Protein backbone atom coordinates (compact mmCIF):
# COMPACT_ATOMS: atom_id res chain seq x y z
CA MET A 1 -45.74 -60.10 -74.29
CA PRO A 2 -41.97 -59.88 -74.72
CA GLU A 3 -40.77 -56.44 -75.70
CA SER A 4 -38.68 -57.40 -78.73
CA LYS A 5 -40.41 -58.68 -81.84
CA ASP A 6 -37.35 -58.81 -84.10
CA ILE A 7 -35.93 -62.24 -84.88
CA ARG A 8 -32.88 -61.87 -82.59
CA GLY A 9 -35.05 -60.72 -79.70
CA ILE A 10 -37.43 -63.62 -80.23
CA GLU A 11 -34.51 -66.09 -80.41
CA ARG A 12 -33.14 -64.72 -77.14
CA HIS A 13 -36.53 -64.95 -75.42
CA VAL A 14 -37.12 -68.50 -76.69
CA ALA A 15 -33.66 -69.47 -75.38
CA GLU A 16 -34.53 -67.93 -71.99
CA ILE A 17 -37.74 -69.98 -71.85
CA ILE A 18 -35.98 -73.22 -72.81
CA ILE A 19 -33.20 -72.61 -70.29
CA GLY A 20 -35.76 -71.88 -67.57
CA GLU A 21 -38.15 -74.73 -68.36
CA LEU A 22 -35.41 -77.34 -68.68
CA LYS A 23 -33.39 -75.89 -65.80
CA LEU A 24 -30.25 -75.86 -67.93
CA GLU A 25 -27.07 -74.92 -66.10
CA ASP A 26 -23.92 -73.36 -67.51
CA VAL A 27 -25.78 -71.84 -70.46
CA THR A 28 -27.18 -68.36 -70.97
CA PRO A 29 -29.35 -66.87 -73.72
CA ASP A 30 -26.17 -65.28 -75.10
CA THR A 31 -24.29 -68.59 -75.28
CA PHE A 32 -27.26 -70.68 -76.45
CA ASN A 33 -26.68 -71.74 -80.07
CA PRO A 34 -29.90 -70.88 -81.97
CA GLY A 35 -29.06 -73.52 -84.57
CA MET A 36 -28.68 -76.39 -82.08
CA ASP A 37 -31.08 -79.29 -82.68
CA LEU A 38 -33.17 -79.36 -79.53
CA VAL A 39 -34.09 -83.03 -79.82
CA ASP A 40 -30.86 -84.58 -81.10
CA GLU A 41 -28.32 -82.34 -79.37
CA LEU A 42 -30.15 -81.17 -76.24
CA GLY A 43 -32.34 -84.22 -75.63
CA ILE A 44 -35.70 -82.45 -75.45
CA ASP A 45 -38.57 -84.93 -75.52
CA SER A 46 -42.13 -84.41 -76.72
CA MET A 47 -43.37 -83.47 -73.23
CA ASP A 48 -40.66 -80.81 -72.87
CA LEU A 49 -41.52 -79.44 -76.31
CA ALA A 50 -45.22 -79.34 -75.47
CA THR A 51 -44.48 -77.44 -72.25
CA ILE A 52 -42.26 -74.96 -74.08
CA ALA A 53 -44.93 -74.52 -76.79
CA LEU A 54 -47.57 -73.75 -74.14
CA VAL A 55 -45.33 -71.13 -72.52
CA LEU A 56 -44.61 -69.56 -75.93
CA GLN A 57 -48.32 -69.46 -76.74
CA ASP A 58 -48.99 -67.61 -73.49
CA GLU A 59 -46.03 -65.24 -73.92
CA TYR A 60 -46.70 -64.31 -77.54
CA LYS A 61 -50.51 -64.74 -77.60
CA ILE A 62 -50.32 -67.11 -80.56
CA VAL A 63 -51.54 -70.64 -81.29
CA ILE A 64 -48.96 -73.31 -82.02
CA ASP A 65 -50.59 -76.24 -83.78
CA GLU A 66 -49.48 -79.62 -82.41
CA ASP A 67 -48.90 -80.74 -86.01
CA ASP A 68 -46.21 -78.05 -86.23
CA TYR A 69 -44.22 -79.31 -83.23
CA PRO A 70 -41.92 -81.53 -85.37
CA LYS A 71 -40.89 -78.43 -87.37
CA LEU A 72 -39.72 -76.64 -84.21
CA LYS A 73 -36.30 -78.26 -84.00
CA THR A 74 -34.09 -75.26 -83.21
CA VAL A 75 -34.42 -71.93 -81.43
CA ARG A 76 -33.99 -70.23 -84.82
CA LEU A 77 -36.85 -72.24 -86.37
CA ILE A 78 -39.07 -71.55 -83.36
CA ALA A 79 -38.29 -67.81 -83.59
CA GLU A 80 -39.09 -67.77 -87.32
CA TYR A 81 -42.35 -69.63 -86.63
CA ILE A 82 -43.32 -67.10 -83.95
CA GLU A 83 -42.39 -64.20 -86.23
CA GLU A 84 -44.68 -65.61 -88.96
CA LYS A 85 -47.54 -66.08 -86.49
CA LEU A 86 -47.14 -62.53 -85.17
CA ALA A 87 -47.07 -61.11 -88.71
CA ALA A 88 -50.23 -63.03 -89.60
CA LYS A 89 -52.04 -61.52 -86.61
CA GLN A 90 -51.48 -57.96 -87.81
């Protein structure tokens, strides 16, 4: 499980996963805009999102309901979603 559970740490880790899974070049977790719309601005499709969700589930030991995928439009929204799931587990 990633070491940082604060919202900024989660955002950074989510950005790292997206960058790695999509093999994005010329972008780092520090330069990744957490408010960028992943579908409209980055072109992520449903298969990419499903892959990212599976990696996040493994990393954070949470369950991401497929019905929630449409809500996960930005790194910030994904981080907030993960933070809520982690808080509910405690």
